[in-house]
């Protein structure tokens, strides 16, 4: 059974997984925070971004 949690997030109670409501992407174990599944990669903003003008 899939339960909507937010506009873009749902939880699948059968598999205990967080899922995207738009594309079905699996964000990870529902016993943990879904935010870990949204992290693409860490980066150093001081190194990777130009300073503001």
PDB file of N, CA and C in Angstrom:
ATOM      1  N   UNK A   1       0.836  -1.170   0.000  1.00  0.00           N
ATOM      2  CA  UNK A   1       0.000   0.000   0.000  1.00  0.00           C
ATOM      3  C   UNK A   1       0.891   1.248   0.000  1.00  0.00           C
ATOM      4  N   UNK A   2       0.635   2.143  -0.937  1.00  0.00           N
ATOM      5  CA  UNK A   2       1.411   3.376  -1.050  1.00  0.00           C
ATOM      6  C   UNK A   2       0.615   4.543  -0.480  1.00  0.00           C
ATOM      7  N   UNK A   3       1.248   5.303   0.414  1.00  0.00           N
ATOM      8  CA  UNK A   3       0.580   6.406   1.096  1.00  0.00           C
ATOM      9  C   UNK A   3       1.287   7.707   0.741  1.00  0.00           C
ATOM     10  N   UNK A   4       0.558   8.690   0.174  1.00  0.00           N
ATOM     11  CA  UNK A   4       1.177   9.983  -0.118  1.00  0.00           C
ATOM     12  C   UNK A   4       1.519  10.706   1.182  1.00  0.00           C
ATOM     13  N   UNK A   5       2.719  11.277   1.236  1.00  0.00           N
ATOM     14  CA  UNK A   5       3.162  12.011   2.420  1.00  0.00           C
ATOM     15  C   UNK A   5       3.240  13.510   2.140  1.00  0.00           C
ATOM     16  N   UNK A   6       3.720  13.857   0.959  1.00  0.00           N
ATOM     17  CA  UNK A   6       3.794  15.250   0.523  1.00  0.00           C
ATOM     18  C   UNK A   6       3.406  15.279  -0.951  1.00  0.00           C
ATOM     19  N   UNK A   7       3.503  16.444  -1.560  1.00  0.00           N
ATOM     20  CA  UNK A   7       3.178  16.581  -2.978  1.00  0.00           C
ATOM     21  C   UNK A   7       4.045  15.666  -3.849  1.00  0.00           C
ATOM     22  N   UNK A   8       5.297  15.457  -3.449  1.00  0.00           N
ATOM     23  CA  UNK A   8       6.240  14.689  -4.269  1.00  0.00           C
ATOM     24  C   UNK A   8       6.765  13.422  -3.602  1.00  0.00           C
ATOM     25  N   UNK A   9       6.314  13.104  -2.418  1.00  0.00           N
ATOM     26  CA  UNK A   9       6.875  11.985  -1.665  1.00  0.00           C
ATOM     27  C   UNK A   9       5.773  11.044  -1.187  1.00  0.00           C
ATOM     28  N   UNK A  10       6.026   9.738  -1.324  1.00  0.00           N
ATOM     29  CA  UNK A  10       5.104   8.738  -0.781  1.00  0.00           C
ATOM     30  C   UNK A  10       5.909   7.637  -0.112  1.00  0.00           C
ATOM     31  N   UNK A  11       5.226   6.868   0.713  1.00  0.00           N
ATOM     32  CA  UNK A  11       5.866   5.747   1.382  1.00  0.00           C
ATOM     33  C   UNK A  11       5.139   4.473   0.965  1.00  0.00           C
ATOM     34  N   UNK A  12       5.906   3.466   0.609  1.00  0.00           N
ATOM     35  CA  UNK A  12       5.347   2.154   0.287  1.00  0.00           C
ATOM     36  C   UNK A  12       5.419   1.324   1.563  1.00  0.00           C
ATOM     37  N   UNK A  13       4.269   1.064   2.171  1.00  0.00           N
ATOM     38  CA  UNK A  13       4.238   0.357   3.450  1.00  0.00           C
ATOM     39  C   UNK A  13       4.603  -1.116   3.314  1.00  0.00           C
ATOM     40  N   UNK A  14       4.373  -1.698   2.153  1.00  0.00           N
ATOM     41  CA  UNK A  14       4.706  -3.116   1.951  1.00  0.00           C
ATOM     42  C   UNK A  14       6.215  -3.336   1.910  1.00  0.00           C
ATOM     43  N   UNK A  15       6.916  -2.486   1.164  1.00  0.00           N
ATOM     44  CA  UNK A  15       8.370  -2.644   1.031  1.00  0.00           C
ATOM     45  C   UNK A  15       9.138  -1.755   2.006  1.00  0.00           C
ATOM     46  N   UNK A  16       8.412  -0.867   2.724  1.00  0.00           N
ATOM     47  CA  UNK A  16       9.022   0.086   3.660  1.00  0.00           C
ATOM     48  C   UNK A  16      10.090   0.925   2.970  1.00  0.00           C
ATOM     49  N   UNK A  17       9.696   1.565   1.851  1.00  0.00           N
ATOM     50  CA  UNK A  17      10.606   2.405   1.068  1.00  0.00           C
ATOM     51  C   UNK A  17       9.967   3.761   0.821  1.00  0.00           C
ATOM     52  N   UNK A  18      10.799   4.814   0.766  1.00  0.00           N
ATOM     53  CA  UNK A  18      10.372   6.144   0.332  1.00  0.00           C
ATOM     54  C   UNK A  18      10.431   6.183  -1.187  1.00  0.00           C
ATOM     55  N   UNK A  19       9.402   6.762  -1.832  1.00  0.00           N
ATOM     56  CA  UNK A  19       9.350   6.828  -3.289  1.00  0.00           C
ATOM     57  C   UNK A  19       8.905   8.207  -3.748  1.00  0.00           C
ATOM     58  N   UNK A  20       9.388   8.594  -4.930  1.00  0.00           N
ATOM     59  CA  UNK A  20       8.936   9.822  -5.573  1.00  0.00           C
ATOM     60  C   UNK A  20       7.549   9.576  -6.151  1.00  0.00           C
ATOM     61  N   UNK A  21       6.613  10.504  -5.926  1.00  0.00           N
ATOM     62  CA  UNK A  21       5.257  10.363  -6.467  1.00  0.00           C
ATOM     63  C   UNK A  21       5.199  10.664  -7.957  1.00  0.00           C
ATOM     64  N   UNK A  22       6.201  11.345  -8.501  1.00  0.00           N
ATOM     65  CA  UNK A  22       6.204  11.710  -9.915  1.00  0.00           C
ATOM     66  C   UNK A  22       6.819  10.603 -10.768  1.00  0.00           C
ATOM     67  N   UNK A  23       8.033  10.179 -10.418  1.00  0.00           N
ATOM     68  CA  UNK A  23       8.750   9.219 -11.268  1.00  0.00           C
ATOM     69  C   UNK A  23       8.937   7.842 -10.635  1.00  0.00           C
ATOM     70  N   UNK A  24       8.640   7.702  -9.335  1.00  0.00           N
ATOM     71  CA  UNK A  24       8.797   6.414  -8.678  1.00  0.00           C
ATOM     72  C   UNK A  24      10.200   6.123  -8.179  1.00  0.00           C
ATOM     73  N   UNK A  25      11.107   7.111  -8.253  1.00  0.00           N
ATOM     74  CA  UNK A  25      12.482   6.914  -7.774  1.00  0.00           C
ATOM     75  C   UNK A  25      12.471   6.462  -6.316  1.00  0.00           C
ATOM     76  N   UNK A  26      13.295   5.489  -6.000  1.00  0.00           N
ATOM     77  CA  UNK A  26      13.410   4.947  -4.649  1.00  0.00           C
ATOM     78  C   UNK A  26      14.425   5.780  -3.861  1.00  0.00           C
ATOM     79  N   UNK A  27      13.961   6.413  -2.776  1.00  0.00           N
ATOM     80  CA  UNK A  27      14.835   7.247  -1.948  1.00  0.00           C
ATOM     81  C   UNK A  27      15.438   6.494  -0.775  1.00  0.00           C
ATOM     82  N   UNK A  28      15.069   5.246  -0.589  1.00  0.00           N
ATOM     83  CA  UNK A  28      15.702   4.463   0.458  1.00  0.00           C
ATOM     84  C   UNK A  28      14.732   3.926   1.495  1.00  0.00           C
ATOM     85  N   UNK A  29      15.310   3.350   2.523  1.00  0.00           N
ATOM     86  CA  UNK A  29      14.584   2.692   3.599  1.00  0.00           C
ATOM     87  C   UNK A  29      13.692   3.685   4.346  1.00  0.00           C
ATOM     88  N   UNK A  30      12.434   3.331   4.535  1.00  0.00           N
ATOM     89  CA  UNK A  30      11.489   4.209   5.228  1.00  0.00           C
ATOM     90  C   UNK A  30      11.788   4.319   6.716  1.00  0.00           C
ATOM     91  N   UNK A  31      12.642   3.466   7.228  1.00  0.00           N
ATOM     92  CA  UNK A  31      13.032   3.570   8.637  1.00  0.00           C
ATOM     93  C   UNK A  31      14.137   4.611   8.829  1.00  0.00           C
ATOM     94  N   UNK A  32      14.592   5.169   7.731  1.00  0.00           N
ATOM     95  CA  UNK A  32      15.622   6.207   7.740  1.00  0.00           C
ATOM     96  C   UNK A  32      15.057   7.431   7.023  1.00  0.00           C
ATOM     97  N   UNK A  33      15.763   8.536   7.056  1.00  0.00           N
ATOM     98  CA  UNK A  33      15.292   9.745   6.400  1.00  0.00           C
ATOM     99  C   UNK A  33      15.400   9.634   4.877  1.00  0.00           C
ATOM    100  N   UNK A  34      14.381  10.084   4.191  1.00  0.00           N
ATOM    101  CA  UNK A  34      14.383  10.067   2.722  1.00  0.00           C
ATOM    102  C   UNK A  34      15.433  11.016   2.165  1.00  0.00           C
ATOM    103  N   UNK A  35      15.873  11.974   2.956  1.00  0.00           N
ATOM    104  CA  UNK A  35      16.818  12.991   2.490  1.00  0.00           C
ATOM    105  C   UNK A  35      18.155  12.385   2.077  1.00  0.00           C
ATOM    106  N   UNK A  36      18.523  11.261   2.660  1.00  0.00           N
ATOM    107  CA  UNK A  36      19.761  10.589   2.250  1.00  0.00           C
ATOM    108  C   UNK A  36      19.677  10.125   0.800  1.00  0.00           C
ATOM    109  N   UNK A  37      18.485   9.802   0.333  1.00  0.00           N
ATOM    110  CA  UNK A  37      18.289   9.363  -1.042  1.00  0.00           C
ATOM    111  C   UNK A  37      18.272  10.496  -2.046  1.00  0.00           C
ATOM    112  N   UNK A  38      18.207  11.734  -1.564  1.00  0.00           N
ATOM    113  CA  UNK A  38      18.187  12.877  -2.474  1.00  0.00           C
ATOM    114  C   UNK A  38      19.574  13.468  -2.687  1.00  0.00           C
ATOM    115  N   UNK A  39      20.539  13.079  -1.866  1.00  0.00           N
ATOM    116  CA  UNK A  39      21.895  13.612  -1.983  1.00  0.00           C
ATOM    117  C   UNK A  39      22.577  13.046  -3.221  1.00  0.00           C
ATOM    118  N   UNK A  40      23.031  13.914  -4.093  1.00  0.00           N
ATOM    119  CA  UNK A  40      23.731  13.478  -5.300  1.00  0.00           C
ATOM    120  C   UNK A  40      25.219  13.339  -4.996  1.00  0.00           C
ATOM    121  N   UNK A  41      25.837  14.391  -4.520  1.00  0.00           N
ATOM    122  CA  UNK A  41      27.227  14.338  -4.099  1.00  0.00           C
ATOM    123  C   UNK A  41      27.547  15.585  -3.281  1.00  0.00           C
ATOM    124  N   UNK A  42      28.529  15.462  -2.413  1.00  0.00           N
ATOM    125  CA  UNK A  42      29.018  16.603  -1.649  1.00  0.00           C
ATOM    126  C   UNK A  42      30.015  17.362  -2.495  1.00  0.00           C
ATOM    127  N   UNK A  43      30.049  18.673  -2.329  1.00  0.00           N
ATOM    128  CA  UNK A  43      31.071  19.446  -3.031  1.00  0.00           C
ATOM    129  C   UNK A  43      31.488  20.629  -2.174  1.00  0.00           C
ATOM    130  N   UNK A  44      32.663  21.124  -2.455  1.00  0.00           N
ATOM    131  CA  UNK A  44      33.219  22.260  -1.746  1.00  0.00           C
ATOM    132  C   UNK A  44      32.793  23.529  -2.484  1.00  0.00           C
ATOM    133  N   UNK A  45      31.867  24.280  -1.925  1.00  0.00           N
ATOM    134  CA  UNK A  45      31.362  25.469  -2.603  1.00  0.00           C
ATOM    135  C   UNK A  45      32.421  26.556  -2.735  1.00  0.00           C
ATOM    136  N   UNK A  46      33.331  26.643  -1.791  1.00  0.00           N
ATOM    137  CA  UNK A  46      34.406  27.640  -1.901  1.00  0.00           C
ATOM    138  C   UNK A  46      35.307  27.340  -3.092  1.00  0.00           C
ATOM    139  N   UNK A  47      35.523  26.077  -3.357  1.00  0.00           N
ATOM    140  CA  UNK A  47      36.389  25.678  -4.460  1.00  0.00           C
ATOM    141  C   UNK A  47      35.644  25.667  -5.798  1.00  0.00           C
ATOM    142  N   UNK A  48      34.388  25.235  -5.801  1.00  0.00           N
ATOM    143  CA  UNK A  48      33.655  24.992  -7.041  1.00  0.00           C
ATOM    144  C   UNK A  48      32.822  26.163  -7.543  1.00  0.00           C
ATOM    145  N   UNK A  49      32.651  27.205  -6.754  1.00  0.00           N
ATOM    146  CA  UNK A  49      31.811  28.336  -7.162  1.00  0.00           C
ATOM    147  C   UNK A  49      32.616  29.627  -7.176  1.00  0.00           C
ATOM    148  N   UNK A  50      32.378  30.469  -8.167  1.00  0.00           N
ATOM    149  CA  UNK A  50      33.073  31.762  -8.184  1.00  0.00           C
ATOM    150  C   UNK A  50      32.537  32.657  -7.066  1.00  0.00           C
ATOM    151  N   UNK A  51      33.368  33.542  -6.531  1.00  0.00           N
ATOM    152  CA  UNK A  51      32.893  34.455  -5.480  1.00  0.00           C
ATOM    153  C   UNK A  51      31.863  35.428  -6.054  1.00  0.00           C
ATOM    154  N   UNK A  52      30.914  35.887  -5.225  1.00  0.00           N
ATOM    155  CA  UNK A  52      29.918  36.848  -5.713  1.00  0.00           C
ATOM    156  C   UNK A  52      30.563  38.167  -6.113  1.00  0.00           C
ATOM    157  N   UNK A  53      29.977  38.817  -7.087  1.00  0.00           N
ATOM    158  CA  UNK A  53      30.515  40.101  -7.577  1.00  0.00           C
ATOM    159  C   UNK A  53      30.090  41.244  -6.701  1.00  0.00           C
TER     160      UNK A  53
END
